Amino acid sequence: MLSNIASYQLVTLYVFMLRLGAHASVNEAIKLHPCEIIDVSSLEGSADYQAIANSPELLAGLDELVHAWCKQIEQVNSSY
């Protein structure tokens, strides 16, 4: 099990990637799978990130989503 600090850092990275993914999709650079696990726009600060970090189910779901995004990005990169 990850430490609280590691979990918090992981959630921060996931939120960054979720926002980056939304931005990339808006620019139509790539259509990433949408995040249906959490509403990123509702996250307001460290307390929200900590709540996600304390939820193994949310962390697992976000991990799966990021892995799926990596595969999508690899497919796009390999086609160029």
N, C-alpha and C. Protein backbone atom coordinates (compact mmCIF):
# COMPACT_ATOMS: atom_id res chain seq x y z
N MET A 1 0.84 -1.19 0.00
CA MET A 1 0.00 0.00 0.00
C MET A 1 0.88 1.24 0.00
N LEU A 2 0.49 2.23 -0.76
CA LEU A 2 1.26 3.46 -0.84
C LEU A 2 1.12 4.28 0.42
N SER A 3 2.14 5.04 0.74
CA SER A 3 2.05 5.96 1.86
C SER A 3 1.10 7.08 1.51
N ASN A 4 0.65 7.81 2.51
CA ASN A 4 -0.25 8.93 2.26
C ASN A 4 0.38 9.97 1.35
N ILE A 5 1.66 10.25 1.54
CA ILE A 5 2.34 11.24 0.71
C ILE A 5 2.40 10.76 -0.73
N ALA A 6 2.76 9.50 -0.93
CA ALA A 6 2.84 8.95 -2.28
C ALA A 6 1.46 8.94 -2.93
N SER A 7 0.43 8.57 -2.18
CA SER A 7 -0.93 8.56 -2.71
C SER A 7 -1.37 9.96 -3.11
N TYR A 8 -1.05 10.93 -2.28
CA TYR A 8 -1.41 12.32 -2.57
C TYR A 8 -0.71 12.79 -3.84
N GLN A 9 0.57 12.47 -3.98
CA GLN A 9 1.31 12.86 -5.17
C GLN A 9 0.76 12.17 -6.41
N LEU A 10 0.36 10.93 -6.27
CA LEU A 10 -0.23 10.19 -7.38
C LEU A 10 -1.54 10.83 -7.81
N VAL A 11 -2.37 11.20 -6.86
CA VAL A 11 -3.64 11.85 -7.18
C VAL A 11 -3.39 13.18 -7.87
N THR A 12 -2.41 13.94 -7.39
CA THR A 12 -2.08 15.21 -8.02
C THR A 12 -1.68 15.00 -9.47
N LEU A 13 -0.88 13.96 -9.72
CA LEU A 13 -0.48 13.63 -11.08
C LEU A 13 -1.70 13.23 -11.92
N TYR A 14 -2.58 12.40 -11.37
CA TYR A 14 -3.77 11.98 -12.09
C TYR A 14 -4.64 13.18 -12.46
N VAL A 15 -4.84 14.09 -11.51
CA VAL A 15 -5.68 15.26 -11.78
C VAL A 15 -5.04 16.10 -12.88
N PHE A 16 -3.72 16.27 -12.82
CA PHE A 16 -3.03 17.00 -13.88
C PHE A 16 -3.27 16.33 -15.23
N MET A 17 -3.14 15.02 -15.26
CA MET A 17 -3.32 14.29 -16.51
C MET A 17 -4.77 14.35 -16.98
N LEU A 18 -5.71 14.32 -16.04
CA LEU A 18 -7.12 14.43 -16.42
C LEU A 18 -7.38 15.78 -17.07
N ARG A 19 -6.85 16.83 -16.48
CA ARG A 19 -7.04 18.16 -17.04
C ARG A 19 -6.31 18.29 -18.37
N LEU A 20 -5.13 17.73 -18.48
CA LEU A 20 -4.38 17.75 -19.72
C LEU A 20 -5.14 16.96 -20.79
N GLY A 21 -5.69 15.83 -20.42
CA GLY A 21 -6.47 15.03 -21.36
C GLY A 21 -7.68 15.77 -21.86
N ALA A 22 -8.35 16.47 -20.98
CA ALA A 22 -9.51 17.27 -21.38
C ALA A 22 -9.07 18.37 -22.33
N HIS A 23 -7.95 18.99 -22.05
CA HIS A 23 -7.43 20.05 -22.91
C HIS A 23 -7.07 19.50 -24.29
N ALA A 24 -6.41 18.35 -24.32
CA ALA A 24 -6.03 17.74 -25.59
C ALA A 24 -7.26 17.37 -26.40
N SER A 25 -8.29 16.87 -25.73
CA SER A 25 -9.51 16.50 -26.43
C SER A 25 -10.21 17.72 -27.00
N VAL A 26 -10.21 18.82 -26.24
CA VAL A 26 -10.82 20.06 -26.71
C VAL A 26 -10.11 20.54 -27.96
N ASN A 27 -8.81 20.44 -27.97
CA ASN A 27 -8.03 20.87 -29.14
C ASN A 27 -8.08 19.83 -30.26
N GLU A 28 -8.78 18.74 -30.04
CA GLU A 28 -8.94 17.66 -31.00
C GLU A 28 -7.60 17.06 -31.45
N ALA A 29 -6.59 17.19 -30.62
CA ALA A 29 -5.32 16.57 -30.92
C ALA A 29 -5.46 15.06 -30.79
N ILE A 30 -6.23 14.64 -29.82
CA ILE A 30 -6.46 13.23 -29.57
C ILE A 30 -7.74 13.11 -28.75
N LYS A 31 -8.50 12.09 -28.99
CA LYS A 31 -9.73 11.85 -28.23
C LYS A 31 -9.46 10.78 -27.18
N LEU A 32 -9.16 11.21 -25.96
CA LEU A 32 -8.90 10.27 -24.88
C LEU A 32 -10.21 9.81 -24.27
N HIS A 33 -10.20 8.61 -23.71
CA HIS A 33 -11.37 8.12 -23.01
C HIS A 33 -11.75 9.13 -21.93
N PRO A 34 -13.03 9.42 -21.77
CA PRO A 34 -13.42 10.39 -20.73
C PRO A 34 -13.26 9.80 -19.33
N CYS A 35 -13.06 10.68 -18.38
CA CYS A 35 -12.96 10.26 -16.98
C CYS A 35 -14.37 10.23 -16.40
N GLU A 36 -14.82 9.05 -16.07
CA GLU A 36 -16.15 8.90 -15.49
C GLU A 36 -16.08 8.55 -14.01
N ILE A 37 -14.86 8.53 -13.47
CA ILE A 37 -14.63 8.13 -12.09
C ILE A 37 -14.86 9.28 -11.13
N ILE A 38 -14.33 10.46 -11.50
CA ILE A 38 -14.50 11.65 -10.67
C ILE A 38 -14.80 12.84 -11.58
N ASP A 39 -15.38 13.88 -11.01
CA ASP A 39 -15.60 15.13 -11.73
C ASP A 39 -14.43 16.04 -11.42
N VAL A 40 -13.50 16.13 -12.34
CA VAL A 40 -12.27 16.88 -12.11
C VAL A 40 -12.58 18.35 -11.86
N SER A 41 -13.59 18.88 -12.51
CA SER A 41 -13.90 20.30 -12.34
C SER A 41 -14.37 20.64 -10.93
N SER A 42 -14.78 19.63 -10.17
CA SER A 42 -15.25 19.89 -8.80
C SER A 42 -14.13 19.88 -7.77
N LEU A 43 -12.92 19.49 -8.19
CA LEU A 43 -11.79 19.44 -7.26
C LEU A 43 -11.28 20.86 -7.02
N GLU A 44 -11.23 21.23 -5.74
CA GLU A 44 -10.87 22.61 -5.41
C GLU A 44 -9.57 22.75 -4.66
N GLY A 45 -9.03 21.69 -4.12
CA GLY A 45 -7.79 21.86 -3.37
C GLY A 45 -7.28 20.58 -2.78
N SER A 46 -6.34 20.74 -1.88
CA SER A 46 -5.63 19.59 -1.33
C SER A 46 -6.54 18.64 -0.55
N ALA A 47 -7.58 19.15 0.09
CA ALA A 47 -8.49 18.27 0.83
C ALA A 47 -9.21 17.31 -0.13
N ASP A 48 -9.56 17.80 -1.30
CA ASP A 48 -10.21 16.93 -2.29
C ASP A 48 -9.24 15.87 -2.80
N TYR A 49 -7.99 16.27 -3.03
CA TYR A 49 -6.99 15.32 -3.50
C TYR A 49 -6.70 14.27 -2.43
N GLN A 50 -6.66 14.71 -1.19
CA GLN A 50 -6.38 13.77 -0.09
C GLN A 50 -7.51 12.76 0.04
N ALA A 51 -8.75 13.20 -0.15
CA ALA A 51 -9.89 12.28 -0.08
C ALA A 51 -9.77 11.20 -1.16
N ILE A 52 -9.34 11.60 -2.35
CA ILE A 52 -9.15 10.62 -3.42
C ILE A 52 -8.00 9.69 -3.08
N ALA A 53 -6.92 10.26 -2.53
CA ALA A 53 -5.75 9.46 -2.17
C ALA A 53 -6.07 8.41 -1.13
N ASN A 54 -7.07 8.66 -0.31
CA ASN A 54 -7.46 7.72 0.74
C ASN A 54 -8.44 6.66 0.24
N SER A 55 -8.80 6.70 -1.03
CA SER A 55 -9.75 5.74 -1.58
C SER A 55 -9.05 4.79 -2.54
N PRO A 56 -8.79 3.55 -2.10
CA PRO A 56 -8.13 2.58 -2.99
C PRO A 56 -8.93 2.33 -4.28
N GLU A 57 -10.24 2.39 -4.21
CA GLU A 57 -11.07 2.15 -5.39
C GLU A 57 -10.87 3.26 -6.43
N LEU A 58 -10.86 4.51 -5.97
CA LEU A 58 -10.65 5.62 -6.89
C LEU A 58 -9.24 5.58 -7.48
N LEU A 59 -8.26 5.30 -6.65
CA LEU A 59 -6.88 5.22 -7.15
C LEU A 59 -6.74 4.12 -8.20
N ALA A 60 -7.35 2.98 -7.96
CA ALA A 60 -7.28 1.89 -8.94
C ALA A 60 -7.97 2.29 -10.24
N GLY A 61 -9.12 2.93 -10.13
CA GLY A 61 -9.83 3.38 -11.33
C GLY A 61 -9.05 4.42 -12.11
N LEU A 62 -8.44 5.37 -11.41
CA LEU A 62 -7.64 6.39 -12.08
C LEU A 62 -6.40 5.77 -12.72
N ASP A 63 -5.82 4.81 -12.05
CA ASP A 63 -4.65 4.12 -12.60
C ASP A 63 -5.01 3.42 -13.91
N GLU A 64 -6.14 2.74 -13.93
CA GLU A 64 -6.59 2.07 -15.15
C GLU A 64 -6.83 3.08 -16.28
N LEU A 65 -7.43 4.22 -15.94
CA LEU A 65 -7.71 5.25 -16.94
C LEU A 65 -6.41 5.79 -17.53
N VAL A 66 -5.45 6.10 -16.68
CA VAL A 66 -4.18 6.63 -17.17
C VAL A 66 -3.45 5.61 -18.04
N HIS A 67 -3.51 4.33 -17.67
CA HIS A 67 -2.90 3.29 -18.51
C HIS A 67 -3.59 3.22 -19.87
N ALA A 68 -4.91 3.35 -19.88
CA ALA A 68 -5.64 3.35 -21.15
C ALA A 68 -5.24 4.55 -22.00
N TRP A 69 -5.08 5.70 -21.37
CA TRP A 69 -4.65 6.89 -22.10
C TRP A 69 -3.26 6.69 -22.69
N CYS A 70 -2.36 6.09 -21.91
CA CYS A 70 -1.01 5.83 -22.41
C CYS A 70 -1.05 4.97 -23.66
N LYS A 71 -1.91 3.95 -23.65
CA LYS A 71 -2.04 3.09 -24.82
C LYS A 71 -2.59 3.87 -26.02
N GLN A 72 -3.57 4.75 -25.76
CA GLN A 72 -4.12 5.57 -26.84
C GLN A 72 -3.04 6.47 -27.44
N ILE A 73 -2.26 7.10 -26.57
CA ILE A 73 -1.21 8.00 -27.02
C ILE A 73 -0.14 7.24 -27.80
N GLU A 74 0.20 6.05 -27.33
CA GLU A 74 1.18 5.23 -28.05
C GLU A 74 0.67 4.89 -29.44
N GLN A 75 -0.62 4.61 -29.58
CA GLN A 75 -1.18 4.29 -30.89
C GLN A 75 -1.10 5.49 -31.82
N VAL A 76 -1.38 6.68 -31.29
CA VAL A 76 -1.31 7.88 -32.11
C VAL A 76 0.14 8.14 -32.50
N ASN A 77 1.06 8.01 -31.55
CA ASN A 77 2.48 8.24 -31.85
C ASN A 77 3.01 7.25 -32.89
N SER A 78 2.55 6.01 -32.83
CA SER A 78 3.05 5.01 -33.77
C SER A 78 2.49 5.20 -35.17
N SER A 79 1.39 5.96 -35.30
CA SER A 79 0.81 6.19 -36.61
C SER A 79 1.46 7.36 -37.35
N TYR A 80 2.32 8.10 -36.65
CA TYR A 80 2.99 9.25 -37.30
C TYR A 80 4.36 8.90 -37.74
